[in-house]
Amino acid sequence: MHQIKAFFKFVEIQTKVASFFPFLIGTLFAVYKDIAIDIPNLLLMFFSLLMIDLTTTGLNHYMDYRRAVLRSGYHYQVHNPLGKGDFSEKAARTSLWVMLSLGAIFGIVLVLRTDLWVLFFGAMAFFIGVVYSFGPVPISRTILGELMSGVFMGGLIPLLSFYVHAYNIQPLTLSYQSGILGFFVDVQVFLPILVLSLPLIALIAGIMLANNICDREEDFVNKRYTLPVTMGLEKSLMLYKILVGLSYLSIAFGIGFDILPIACALVFVTMPAVTKQTAVFTSRPVKGETFINAVKNFVYVAGSIGLGLFISIITK
């Protein structure tokens, strides 16, 4: 039981809502568009996504432990199960290889059931998931961490979750005739999923930003030149507030231009709670106390978008 708890901490199982909600929203959007849900594809997508997400988080912990300069403090001794001594390096390496292999296997089977676009987008997500924490200059140690995590988790996951059911209608096509290479996108299909993804992109980037804000002092010592280390505390807190605001503006834009169903306006019910939680975090950004508010903000907004889609489905 102790090793199971240590493993869950190693992969930060509680943060997987950041990938579950984009997956759910992409799937609900397919239902809203009257596209038949392929259950095997849904399950393959879910488990491949879960394994890659767990691998990315675990690899980040493992590399932070291996590269740490400062071997004391909250980030190393409390937050990281390897630094705390709850999870061994051997167990970490074994877990990472198993999860990475399972994610690849599920993904390959999914590609065989769909088309090469799934291979393209899946391979891209797979690659980013690895280099986010691994390599000579991991993305998580640069100013691009927030952007890449937001775009690939908040943008690519809903797209893939939708596309594994919609591939038969060919919303993406690539053609070659007489020396001309053509790439065609069905805008009517993809514009709504893009707009739906914008608040997810903003708030997942916000979670990563909030995490790095809390870790900025230790990150500087450990030579992790993240966005908060580069920008400074005040500008980083202002950016977090802007990202929260953008999540609501994007939904307002989608509804105002008749891109999203009106039921998605349900998201605005969460504004008072999200505003309060944002104020609490930005007034005292501490990992063990207020960071959870950034995760709650994402859950409130993403959950209400999902509920709005569900209402739109049953009232069509």
C-alpha atoms as a PDB file:
ATOM      1  CA  MET A   1       0.000   0.000   0.000  1.00  0.00           C
ATOM      2  CA  HIS A   2       2.858   2.382   0.822  1.00  0.00           C
ATOM      3  CA  GLN A   3       4.435   1.805  -2.640  1.00  0.00           C
ATOM      4  CA  ILE A   4       1.095   2.399  -4.352  1.00  0.00           C
ATOM      5  CA  LYS A   5       0.703   5.724  -2.554  1.00  0.00           C
ATOM      6  CA  ALA A   6       4.291   6.630  -3.458  1.00  0.00           C
ATOM      7  CA  PHE A   7       3.627   5.760  -7.106  1.00  0.00           C
ATOM      8  CA  PHE A   8       0.472   7.907  -7.155  1.00  0.00           C
ATOM      9  CA  LYS A   9       2.534  10.781  -5.767  1.00  0.00           C
ATOM     10  CA  PHE A  10       5.281  10.091  -8.321  1.00  0.00           C
ATOM     11  CA  VAL A  11       2.785  10.524 -11.170  1.00  0.00           C
ATOM     12  CA  GLU A  12       0.655  13.131  -9.304  1.00  0.00           C
ATOM     13  CA  ILE A  13      -2.526  11.191  -9.968  1.00  0.00           C
ATOM     14  CA  GLN A  14      -4.642  14.067  -8.617  1.00  0.00           C
ATOM     15  CA  THR A  15      -3.538  16.362 -11.465  1.00  0.00           C
ATOM     16  CA  LYS A  16      -4.815  14.065 -14.227  1.00  0.00           C
ATOM     17  CA  VAL A  17      -8.001  16.118 -14.406  1.00  0.00           C
ATOM     18  CA  ALA A  18      -5.902  18.379 -16.638  1.00  0.00           C
ATOM     19  CA  SER A  19      -6.034  15.694 -19.335  1.00  0.00           C
ATOM     20  CA  PHE A  20      -9.362  14.055 -18.425  1.00  0.00           C
ATOM     21  CA  PHE A  21     -11.505  17.148 -19.030  1.00  0.00           C
ATOM     22  CA  PRO A  22     -10.036  17.911 -22.488  1.00  0.00           C
ATOM     23  CA  PHE A  23     -10.629  14.246 -23.370  1.00  0.00           C
ATOM     24  CA  LEU A  24     -14.217  14.441 -22.106  1.00  0.00           C
ATOM     25  CA  ILE A  25     -14.941  17.708 -23.914  1.00  0.00           C
ATOM     26  CA  GLY A  26     -13.585  16.393 -27.217  1.00  0.00           C
ATOM     27  CA  THR A  27     -15.747  13.285 -26.869  1.00  0.00           C
ATOM     28  CA  LEU A  28     -18.879  15.248 -25.917  1.00  0.00           C
ATOM     29  CA  PHE A  29     -18.328  17.542 -28.897  1.00  0.00           C
ATOM     30  CA  ALA A  30     -18.337  14.503 -31.188  1.00  0.00           C
ATOM     31  CA  VAL A  31     -21.681  13.431 -29.690  1.00  0.00           C
ATOM     32  CA  TYR A  32     -23.013  16.995 -30.088  1.00  0.00           C
ATOM     33  CA  LYS A  33     -22.048  16.852 -33.773  1.00  0.00           C
ATOM     34  CA  ASP A  34     -24.061  13.594 -34.145  1.00  0.00           C
ATOM     35  CA  ILE A  35     -20.941  11.535 -34.792  1.00  0.00           C
ATOM     36  CA  ALA A  36     -21.174   7.919 -33.670  1.00  0.00           C
ATOM     37  CA  ILE A  37     -18.871   7.160 -30.750  1.00  0.00           C
ATOM     38  CA  ASP A  38     -16.472   4.303 -31.435  1.00  0.00           C
ATOM     39  CA  ILE A  39     -16.110   2.680 -27.994  1.00  0.00           C
ATOM     40  CA  PRO A  40     -12.854   0.775 -28.724  1.00  0.00           C
ATOM     41  CA  ASN A  41     -11.289   3.985 -30.089  1.00  0.00           C
ATOM     42  CA  LEU A  42     -12.511   5.890 -27.048  1.00  0.00           C
ATOM     43  CA  LEU A  43     -10.926   3.390 -24.654  1.00  0.00           C
ATOM     44  CA  LEU A  44      -7.661   3.185 -26.617  1.00  0.00           C
ATOM     45  CA  MET A  45      -7.446   6.978 -26.711  1.00  0.00           C
ATOM     46  CA  PHE A  46      -8.164   7.251 -22.990  1.00  0.00           C
ATOM     47  CA  PHE A  47      -5.585   4.699 -21.857  1.00  0.00           C
ATOM     48  CA  SER A  48      -2.895   5.903 -24.270  1.00  0.00           C
ATOM     49  CA  LEU A  49      -3.471   9.471 -23.082  1.00  0.00           C
ATOM     50  CA  LEU A  50      -3.405   8.414 -19.431  1.00  0.00           C
ATOM     51  CA  MET A  51      -0.151   6.469 -19.801  1.00  0.00           C
ATOM     52  CA  ILE A  52       1.617   9.317 -21.622  1.00  0.00           C
ATOM     53  CA  ASP A  53       0.370  11.861 -19.083  1.00  0.00           C
ATOM     54  CA  LEU A  54       1.546   9.701 -16.174  1.00  0.00           C
ATOM     55  CA  THR A  55       4.901   9.186 -17.889  1.00  0.00           C
ATOM     56  CA  THR A  56       5.397  12.918 -18.445  1.00  0.00           C
ATOM     57  CA  THR A  57       4.715  13.742 -14.799  1.00  0.00           C
ATOM     58  CA  GLY A  58       6.838  10.870 -13.475  1.00  0.00           C
ATOM     59  CA  LEU A  59       9.707  11.723 -15.812  1.00  0.00           C
ATOM     60  CA  ASN A  60       9.573  15.325 -14.636  1.00  0.00           C
ATOM     61  CA  HIS A  61       9.950  14.175 -11.005  1.00  0.00           C
ATOM     62  CA  TYR A  62      12.727  11.772 -11.928  1.00  0.00           C
ATOM     63  CA  MET A  63      14.739  14.345 -13.873  1.00  0.00           C
ATOM     64  CA  ASP A  64      14.210  17.008 -11.193  1.00  0.00           C
ATOM     65  CA  TYR A  65      15.592  14.550  -8.647  1.00  0.00           C
ATOM     66  CA  ARG A  66      18.595  13.627 -10.796  1.00  0.00           C
ATOM     67  CA  ARG A  67      19.452  17.220 -11.749  1.00  0.00           C
ATOM     68  CA  ALA A  68      18.702  18.910  -8.434  1.00  0.00           C
ATOM     69  CA  VAL A  69      21.320  21.334  -7.148  1.00  0.00           C
ATOM     70  CA  LEU A  70      19.303  22.297  -4.073  1.00  0.00           C
ATOM     71  CA  ARG A  71      18.628  19.043  -2.192  1.00  0.00           C
ATOM     72  CA  SER A  72      16.466  20.547   0.518  1.00  0.00           C
ATOM     73  CA  GLY A  73      13.210  22.440   0.747  1.00  0.00           C
ATOM     74  CA  TYR A  74       9.612  21.670  -0.174  1.00  0.00           C
ATOM     75  CA  HIS A  75      10.126  20.892  -3.867  1.00  0.00           C
ATOM     76  CA  TYR A  76      12.832  18.277  -3.249  1.00  0.00           C
ATOM     77  CA  GLN A  77      12.119  16.840   0.219  1.00  0.00           C
ATOM     78  CA  VAL A  78       8.303  16.962   0.321  1.00  0.00           C
ATOM     79  CA  HIS A  79       6.861  17.324  -3.182  1.00  0.00           C
ATOM     80  CA  ASN A  80       9.215  14.867  -4.910  1.00  0.00           C
ATOM     81  CA  PRO A  81       8.728  11.253  -3.673  1.00  0.00           C
ATOM     82  CA  LEU A  82      12.249  10.330  -4.794  1.00  0.00           C
ATOM     83  CA  GLY A  83      13.810  13.116  -2.765  1.00  0.00           C
ATOM     84  CA  LYS A  84      11.632  12.191   0.181  1.00  0.00           C
ATOM     85  CA  GLY A  85      12.790   8.581  -0.081  1.00  0.00           C
ATOM     86  CA  ASP A  86       9.328   7.079  -0.636  1.00  0.00           C
ATOM     87  CA  PHE A  87      10.060   5.887  -4.194  1.00  0.00           C
ATOM     88  CA  SER A  88      13.363   4.428  -5.397  1.00  0.00           C
ATOM     89  CA  GLU A  89      15.165   5.325  -8.630  1.00  0.00           C
ATOM     90  CA  LYS A  90      14.824   1.721  -9.809  1.00  0.00           C
ATOM     91  CA  ALA A  91      11.079   1.728  -9.213  1.00  0.00           C
ATOM     92  CA  ALA A  92      10.831   5.071 -10.998  1.00  0.00           C
ATOM     93  CA  ARG A  93      12.722   3.852 -14.079  1.00  0.00           C
ATOM     94  CA  THR A  94      10.699   0.631 -14.255  1.00  0.00           C
ATOM     95  CA  SER A  95       7.414   2.514 -13.931  1.00  0.00           C
ATOM     96  CA  LEU A  96       8.407   4.992 -16.632  1.00  0.00           C
ATOM     97  CA  TRP A  97       9.333   2.283 -19.148  1.00  0.00           C
ATOM     98  CA  VAL A  98       6.148   0.316 -18.473  1.00  0.00           C
ATOM     99  CA  MET A  99       3.890   3.371 -18.803  1.00  0.00           C
ATOM    100  CA  LEU A 100       5.671   4.640 -21.905  1.00  0.00           C
ATOM    101  CA  SER A 101       5.443   1.220 -23.571  1.00  0.00           C
ATOM    102  CA  LEU A 102       1.754   0.820 -22.756  1.00  0.00           C
ATOM    103  CA  GLY A 103       1.015   4.321 -24.058  1.00  0.00           C
ATOM    104  CA  ALA A 104       2.814   3.517 -27.313  1.00  0.00           C
ATOM    105  CA  ILE A 105       1.029   0.164 -27.724  1.00  0.00           C
ATOM    106  CA  PHE A 106      -2.431   1.651 -27.158  1.00  0.00           C
ATOM    107  CA  GLY A 107      -1.564   4.475 -29.546  1.00  0.00           C
ATOM    108  CA  ILE A 108      -0.348   2.157 -32.311  1.00  0.00           C
ATOM    109  CA  VAL A 109      -3.523   0.057 -32.107  1.00  0.00           C
ATOM    110  CA  LEU A 110      -5.568   3.278 -32.289  1.00  0.00           C
ATOM    111  CA  VAL A 111      -3.691   4.356 -35.428  1.00  0.00           C
ATOM    112  CA  LEU A 112      -4.365   0.960 -37.047  1.00  0.00           C
ATOM    113  CA  ARG A 113      -8.075   1.483 -36.369  1.00  0.00           C
ATOM    114  CA  THR A 114      -8.195   5.070 -37.690  1.00  0.00           C
ATOM    115  CA  ASP A 115      -5.772   6.848 -40.050  1.00  0.00           C
ATOM    116  CA  LEU A 116      -2.372   8.491 -40.386  1.00  0.00           C
ATOM    117  CA  TRP A 117      -3.575  11.817 -38.992  1.00  0.00           C
ATOM    118  CA  VAL A 118      -3.933  10.120 -35.614  1.00  0.00           C
ATOM    119  CA  LEU A 119      -0.371   8.862 -36.021  1.00  0.00           C
ATOM    120  CA  PHE A 120       0.831  12.383 -36.844  1.00  0.00           C
ATOM    121  CA  PHE A 121      -0.894  14.125 -33.929  1.00  0.00           C
ATOM    122  CA  GLY A 122      -0.277  11.249 -31.532  1.00  0.00           C
ATOM    123  CA  ALA A 123       3.426  11.093 -32.367  1.00  0.00           C
ATOM    124  CA  MET A 124       3.648  14.842 -31.844  1.00  0.00           C
ATOM    125  CA  ALA A 125       2.024  14.562 -28.412  1.00  0.00           C
ATOM    126  CA  PHE A 126       4.226  11.561 -27.573  1.00  0.00           C
ATOM    127  CA  PHE A 127       7.384  13.482 -28.538  1.00  0.00           C
ATOM    128  CA  ILE A 128       6.433  16.621 -26.601  1.00  0.00           C
ATOM    129  CA  GLY A 129       5.505  14.522 -23.569  1.00  0.00           C
ATOM    130  CA  VAL A 130       9.026  13.070 -23.484  1.00  0.00           C
ATOM    131  CA  VAL A 131      11.099  16.176 -24.287  1.00  0.00           C
ATOM    132  CA  TYR A 132       9.017  18.195 -21.817  1.00  0.00           C
ATOM    133  CA  SER A 133      11.150  16.687 -19.051  1.00  0.00           C
ATOM    134  CA  PHE A 134      13.965  14.837 -20.838  1.00  0.00           C
ATOM    135  CA  GLY A 135      16.925  15.833 -22.990  1.00  0.00           C
ATOM    136  CA  PRO A 136      19.722  18.396 -22.822  1.00  0.00           C
ATOM    137  CA  VAL A 137      17.258  21.291 -22.461  1.00  0.00           C
ATOM    138  CA  PRO A 138      13.865  19.997 -21.218  1.00  0.00           C
ATOM    139  CA  ILE A 139      10.916  22.228 -22.116  1.00  0.00           C
ATOM    140  CA  SER A 140       9.830  22.307 -18.456  1.00  0.00           C
ATOM    141  CA  ARG A 141      13.073  24.143 -17.593  1.00  0.00           C
ATOM    142  CA  THR A 142      12.477  26.932 -20.115  1.00  0.00           C
ATOM    143  CA  ILE A 143      10.045  29.791 -20.662  1.00  0.00           C
ATOM    144  CA  LEU A 144       8.103  27.564 -23.090  1.00  0.00           C
ATOM    145  CA  GLY A 145       6.789  25.148 -20.451  1.00  0.00           C
ATOM    146  CA  GLU A 146       3.448  26.893 -19.952  1.00  0.00           C
ATOM    147  CA  LEU A 147       2.828  27.425 -23.661  1.00  0.00           C
ATOM    148  CA  MET A 148       3.649  23.869 -24.689  1.00  0.00           C
ATOM    149  CA  SER A 149       1.685  22.210 -21.885  1.00  0.00           C
ATOM    150  CA  GLY A 150      -1.321  24.444 -22.555  1.00  0.00           C
ATOM    151  CA  VAL A 151      -1.353  23.929 -26.320  1.00  0.00           C
ATOM    152  CA  PHE A 152      -0.710  20.201 -26.301  1.00  0.00           C
ATOM    153  CA  MET A 153      -2.901  19.246 -23.340  1.00  0.00           C
ATOM    154  CA  GLY A 154      -5.623  21.847 -23.766  1.00  0.00           C
ATOM    155  CA  GLY A 155      -5.617  21.922 -27.566  1.00  0.00           C
ATOM    156  CA  LEU A 156      -4.372  18.630 -28.973  1.00  0.00           C
ATOM    157  CA  ILE A 157      -6.230  16.306 -26.579  1.00  0.00           C
ATOM    158  CA  PRO A 158      -9.739  17.632 -27.420  1.00  0.00           C
ATOM    159  CA  LEU A 159      -8.844  17.544 -31.113  1.00  0.00           C
ATOM    160  CA  LEU A 160      -7.672  13.930 -30.979  1.00  0.00           C
ATOM    161  CA  SER A 161     -10.529  12.863 -28.704  1.00  0.00           C
ATOM    162  CA  PHE A 162     -12.940  14.232 -31.294  1.00  0.00           C
ATOM    163  CA  TYR A 163     -11.055  13.044 -34.362  1.00  0.00           C
ATOM    164  CA  VAL A 164     -10.801   9.343 -33.376  1.00  0.00           C
ATOM    165  CA  HIS A 165     -14.575   9.220 -33.895  1.00  0.00           C
ATOM    166  CA  ALA A 166     -14.832  11.684 -36.797  1.00  0.00           C
ATOM    167  CA  TYR A 167     -12.034  10.422 -39.036  1.00  0.00           C
ATOM    168  CA  ASN A 168     -14.525   8.684 -41.360  1.00  0.00           C
ATOM    169  CA  ILE A 169     -16.046  12.024 -42.421  1.00  0.00           C
ATOM    170  CA  GLN A 170     -12.535  13.169 -43.427  1.00  0.00           C
ATOM    171  CA  PRO A 171     -12.462  16.635 -41.825  1.00  0.00           C
ATOM    172  CA  LEU A 172      -8.734  16.684 -42.621  1.00  0.00           C
ATOM    173  CA  THR A 173      -7.487  15.753 -46.105  1.00  0.00           C
ATOM    174  CA  LEU A 174      -4.142  15.832 -47.839  1.00  0.00           C
ATOM    175  CA  SER A 175      -3.909  15.569 -51.630  1.00  0.00           C
ATOM    176  CA  TYR A 176      -1.205  15.630 -54.282  1.00  0.00           C
ATOM    177  CA  GLN A 177      -1.981  16.312 -57.932  1.00  0.00           C
ATOM    178  CA  SER A 178       0.189  17.587 -60.754  1.00  0.00           C
ATOM    179  CA  GLY A 179       2.975  18.585 -58.407  1.00  0.00           C
ATOM    180  CA  ILE A 180       0.621  20.476 -56.071  1.00  0.00           C
ATOM    181  CA  LEU A 181       0.303  19.418 -52.432  1.00  0.00           C
ATOM    182  CA  GLY A 182      -2.997  20.407 -50.888  1.00  0.00           C
ATOM    183  CA  PHE A 183      -4.078  20.414 -47.248  1.00  0.00           C
ATOM    184  CA  PHE A 184      -7.768  20.918 -46.529  1.00  0.00           C
ATOM    185  CA  VAL A 185      -9.554  21.498 -43.220  1.00  0.00           C
ATOM    186  CA  ASP A 186     -13.319  21.454 -42.694  1.00  0.00           C
ATOM    187  CA  VAL A 187     -13.574  24.757 -40.839  1.00  0.00           C
ATOM    188  CA  GLN A 188     -17.197  24.179 -39.838  1.00  0.00           C
ATOM    189  CA  VAL A 189     -16.095  21.047 -37.982  1.00  0.00           C
ATOM    190  CA  PHE A 190     -12.851  22.264 -36.444  1.00  0.00           C
ATOM    191  CA  LEU A 191     -13.567  25.913 -35.561  1.00  0.00           C
ATOM    192  CA  PRO A 192     -15.902  25.058 -32.644  1.00  0.00           C
ATOM    193  CA  ILE A 193     -13.462  22.504 -31.183  1.00  0.00           C
ATOM    194  CA  LEU A 194     -10.709  25.114 -31.487  1.00  0.00           C
ATOM    195  CA  VAL A 195     -12.767  27.710 -29.626  1.00  0.00           C
ATOM    196  CA  LEU A 196     -13.763  25.131 -27.001  1.00  0.00           C
ATOM    197  CA  SER A 197     -10.073  24.394 -26.520  1.00  0.00           C
ATOM    198  CA  LEU A 198      -9.036  28.008 -25.875  1.00  0.00           C
ATOM    199  CA  PRO A 199     -10.150  28.153 -22.207  1.00  0.00           C
ATOM    200  CA  LEU A 200      -8.538  24.742 -21.614  1.00  0.00           C
ATOM    201  CA  ILE A 201      -5.280  25.953 -23.171  1.00  0.00           C
ATOM    202  CA  ALA A 202      -5.342  29.104 -21.044  1.00  0.00           C
ATOM    203  CA  LEU A 203      -6.093  27.377 -17.742  1.00  0.00           C
ATOM    204  CA  ILE A 204      -3.748  24.409 -18.210  1.00  0.00           C
ATOM    205  CA  ALA A 205      -1.014  26.908 -19.018  1.00  0.00           C
ATOM    206  CA  GLY A 206      -2.219  28.695 -15.871  1.00  0.00           C
ATOM    207  CA  ILE A 207      -1.769  25.554 -13.766  1.00  0.00           C
ATOM    208  CA  MET A 208       1.810  25.181 -14.997  1.00  0.00           C
ATOM    209  CA  LEU A 209       2.436  28.877 -14.452  1.00  0.00           C
ATOM    210  CA  ALA A 210       1.040  28.714 -10.913  1.00  0.00           C
ATOM    211  CA  ASN A 211       3.210  25.685 -10.178  1.00  0.00           C
ATOM    212  CA  ASN A 212       6.322  27.481 -11.417  1.00  0.00           C
ATOM    213  CA  ILE A 213       5.413  30.634  -9.509  1.00  0.00           C
ATOM    214  CA  CYS A 214       5.380  28.622  -6.301  1.00  0.00           C
ATOM    215  CA  ASP A 215       8.709  26.956  -7.168  1.00  0.00           C
ATOM    216  CA  ARG A 216      10.490  30.029  -8.549  1.00  0.00           C
ATOM    217  CA  GLU A 217      13.105  30.382  -5.798  1.00  0.00           C
ATOM    218  CA  GLU A 218      14.102  26.713  -5.819  1.00  0.00           C
ATOM    219  CA  ASP A 219      13.935  26.646  -9.617  1.00  0.00           C
ATOM    220  CA  PHE A 220      16.453  29.480  -9.823  1.00  0.00           C
ATOM    221  CA  VAL A 221      18.916  27.583  -7.632  1.00  0.00           C
ATOM    222  CA  ASN A 222      18.315  24.415  -9.665  1.00  0.00           C
ATOM    223  CA  LYS A 223      18.926  26.320 -12.929  1.00  0.00           C
ATOM    224  CA  ARG A 224      15.347  25.908 -14.114  1.00  0.00           C
ATOM    225  CA  TYR A 225      14.810  29.128 -16.019  1.00  0.00           C
ATOM    226  CA  THR A 226      11.028  28.997 -16.146  1.00  0.00           C
ATOM    227  CA  LEU A 227       8.734  31.863 -17.056  1.00  0.00           C
ATOM    228  CA  PRO A 228       8.315  33.129 -13.449  1.00  0.00           C
ATOM    229  CA  VAL A 229      12.095  32.996 -12.920  1.00  0.00           C
ATOM    230  CA  THR A 230      12.562  35.010 -16.112  1.00  0.00           C
ATOM    231  CA  MET A 231       9.643  37.444 -15.739  1.00  0.00           C
ATOM    232  CA  GLY A 232       9.638  37.916 -12.005  1.00  0.00           C
ATOM    233  CA  LEU A 233       6.867  37.359  -9.485  1.00  0.00           C
ATOM    234  CA  GLU A 234       4.614  40.379 -10.121  1.00  0.00           C
ATOM    235  CA  LYS A 235       4.461  39.986 -13.902  1.00  0.00           C
ATOM    236  CA  SER A 236       3.877  36.248 -13.550  1.00  0.00           C
ATOM    237  CA  LEU A 237       0.943  36.794 -11.187  1.00  0.00           C
ATOM    238  CA  MET A 238      -0.522  39.330 -13.610  1.00  0.00           C
ATOM    239  CA  LEU A 239      -0.127  36.843 -16.463  1.00  0.00           C
ATOM    240  CA  TYR A 240      -1.979  34.219 -14.431  1.00  0.00           C
ATOM    241  CA  LYS A 241      -4.900  36.630 -13.956  1.00  0.00           C
ATOM    242  CA  ILE A 242      -4.902  37.364 -17.699  1.00  0.00           C
ATOM    243  CA  LEU A 243      -5.042  33.654 -18.543  1.00  0.00           C
ATOM    244  CA  VAL A 244      -8.060  33.216 -16.262  1.00  0.00           C
ATOM    245  CA  GLY A 245      -9.763  36.170 -17.930  1.00  0.00           C
ATOM    246  CA  LEU A 246      -9.002  34.844 -21.419  1.00  0.00           C
ATOM    247  CA  SER A 247     -10.732  31.569 -20.597  1.00  0.00           C
ATOM    248  CA  TYR A 248     -14.025  33.423 -20.124  1.00  0.00           C
ATOM    249  CA  LEU A 249     -13.500  35.786 -23.054  1.00  0.00           C
ATOM    250  CA  SER A 250     -12.995  32.883 -25.449  1.00  0.00           C
ATOM    251  CA  ILE A 251     -16.318  31.313 -24.429  1.00  0.00           C
ATOM    252  CA  ALA A 252     -18.070  34.676 -24.746  1.00  0.00           C
ATOM    253  CA  PHE A 253     -16.567  35.029 -28.223  1.00  0.00           C
ATOM    254  CA  GLY A 254     -17.729  31.553 -29.228  1.00  0.00           C
ATOM    255  CA  ILE A 255     -21.288  32.107 -28.055  1.00  0.00           C
ATOM    256  CA  GLY A 256     -21.445  35.664 -29.416  1.00  0.00           C
ATOM    257  CA  PHE A 257     -20.475  34.541 -32.920  1.00  0.00           C
ATOM    258  CA  ASP A 258     -22.735  31.467 -32.785  1.00  0.00           C
ATOM    259  CA  ILE A 259     -19.797  29.070 -32.863  1.00  0.00           C
ATOM    260  CA  LEU A 260     -20.622  27.376 -29.560  1.00  0.00           C
ATOM    261  CA  PRO A 261     -24.016  26.278 -28.190  1.00  0.00           C
ATOM    262  CA  ILE A 262     -25.695  28.763 -25.874  1.00  0.00           C
ATOM    263  CA  ALA A 263     -25.618  26.239 -22.986  1.00  0.00           C
ATOM    264  CA  CYS A 264     -21.851  26.805 -22.743  1.00  0.00           C
ATOM    265  CA  ALA A 265     -22.759  30.133 -21.125  1.00  0.00           C
ATOM    266  CA  LEU A 266     -23.104  28.024 -17.987  1.00  0.00           C
ATOM    267  CA  VAL A 267     -19.383  28.674 -17.513  1.00  0.00           C
ATOM    268  CA  PHE A 268     -20.122  32.224 -16.367  1.00  0.00           C
ATOM    269  CA  VAL A 269     -21.827  30.869 -13.246  1.00  0.00           C
ATOM    270  CA  THR A 270     -18.350  29.906 -12.025  1.00  0.00           C
ATOM    271  CA  MET A 271     -16.934  33.444 -12.289  1.00  0.00           C
ATOM    272  CA  PRO A 272     -17.468  34.490  -8.645  1.00  0.00           C
ATOM    273  CA  ALA A 273     -15.793  31.372  -7.254  1.00  0.00           C
ATOM    274  CA  VAL A 274     -12.944  31.475  -9.783  1.00  0.00           C
ATOM    275  CA  THR A 275     -12.366  35.182  -9.147  1.00  0.00           C
ATOM    276  CA  LYS A 276     -12.156  34.562  -5.401  1.00  0.00           C
ATOM    277  CA  GLN A 277      -9.817  31.586  -5.802  1.00  0.00           C
ATOM    278  CA  THR A 278      -7.594  33.562  -8.153  1.00  0.00           C
ATOM    279  CA  ALA A 279      -7.337  36.387  -5.627  1.00  0.00           C
ATOM    280  CA  VAL A 280      -6.419  33.956  -2.840  1.00  0.00           C
ATOM    281  CA  PHE A 281      -3.677  32.347  -4.929  1.00  0.00           C
ATOM    282  CA  THR A 282      -2.174  35.566  -6.271  1.00  0.00           C
ATOM    283  CA  SER A 283      -2.124  37.142  -2.815  1.00  0.00           C
ATOM    284  CA  ARG A 284      -0.198  34.180  -1.368  1.00  0.00           C
ATOM    285  CA  PRO A 285       1.265  31.801  -4.003  1.00  0.00           C
ATOM    286  CA  VAL A 286       2.395  28.874  -1.844  1.00  0.00           C
ATOM    287  CA  LYS A 287       2.579  25.324  -3.258  1.00  0.00           C
ATOM    288  CA  GLY A 288       1.258  23.497  -0.200  1.00  0.00           C
ATOM    289  CA  GLU A 289      -1.496  26.040   0.546  1.00  0.00           C
ATOM    290  CA  THR A 290      -2.947  27.949  -2.414  1.00  0.00           C
ATOM    291  CA  PHE A 291      -1.662  26.256  -5.593  1.00  0.00           C
ATOM    292  CA  ILE A 292      -4.686  23.958  -5.479  1.00  0.00           C
ATOM    293  CA  ASN A 293      -6.809  27.008  -6.404  1.00  0.00           C
ATOM    294  CA  ALA A 294      -5.302  27.004  -9.901  1.00  0.00           C
ATOM    295  CA  VAL A 295      -6.390  23.391 -10.327  1.00  0.00           C
ATOM    296  CA  LYS A 296      -9.862  24.195  -8.935  1.00  0.00           C
ATOM    297  CA  ASN A 297     -10.221  27.072 -11.415  1.00  0.00           C
ATOM    298  CA  PHE A 298      -9.539  24.694 -14.270  1.00  0.00           C
ATOM    299  CA  VAL A 299     -11.984  22.086 -12.940  1.00  0.00           C
ATOM    300  CA  TYR A 300     -14.746  24.669 -12.467  1.00  0.00           C
ATOM    301  CA  VAL A 301     -14.401  26.121 -15.969  1.00  0.00           C
ATOM    302  CA  ALA A 302     -13.760  22.853 -17.818  1.00  0.00           C
ATOM    303  CA  GLY A 303     -16.478  21.066 -15.857  1.00  0.00           C
ATOM    304  CA  SER A 304     -19.055  23.734 -16.660  1.00  0.00           C
ATOM    305  CA  ILE A 305     -18.114  23.636 -20.362  1.00  0.00           C
ATOM    306  CA  GLY A 306     -18.570  19.876 -20.337  1.00  0.00           C
ATOM    307  CA  LEU A 307     -21.917  20.235 -18.578  1.00  0.00           C
ATOM    308  CA  GLY A 308     -22.954  22.869 -21.109  1.00  0.00           C
ATOM    309  CA  LEU A 309     -22.165  20.462 -23.952  1.00  0.00           C
ATOM    310  CA  PHE A 310     -24.085  17.685 -22.220  1.00  0.00           C
ATOM    311  CA  ILE A 311     -27.145  19.945 -21.834  1.00  0.00           C
ATOM    312  CA  SER A 312     -26.858  20.914 -25.514  1.00  0.00           C
ATOM    313  CA  ILE A 313     -26.819  17.234 -26.483  1.00  0.00           C
ATOM    314  CA  ILE A 314     -29.928  16.238 -24.525  1.00  0.00           C
ATOM    315  CA  THR A 315     -31.903  19.333 -25.588  1.00  0.00           C
ATOM    316  CA  LYS A 316     -31.197  19.163 -29.343  1.00  0.00           C
END
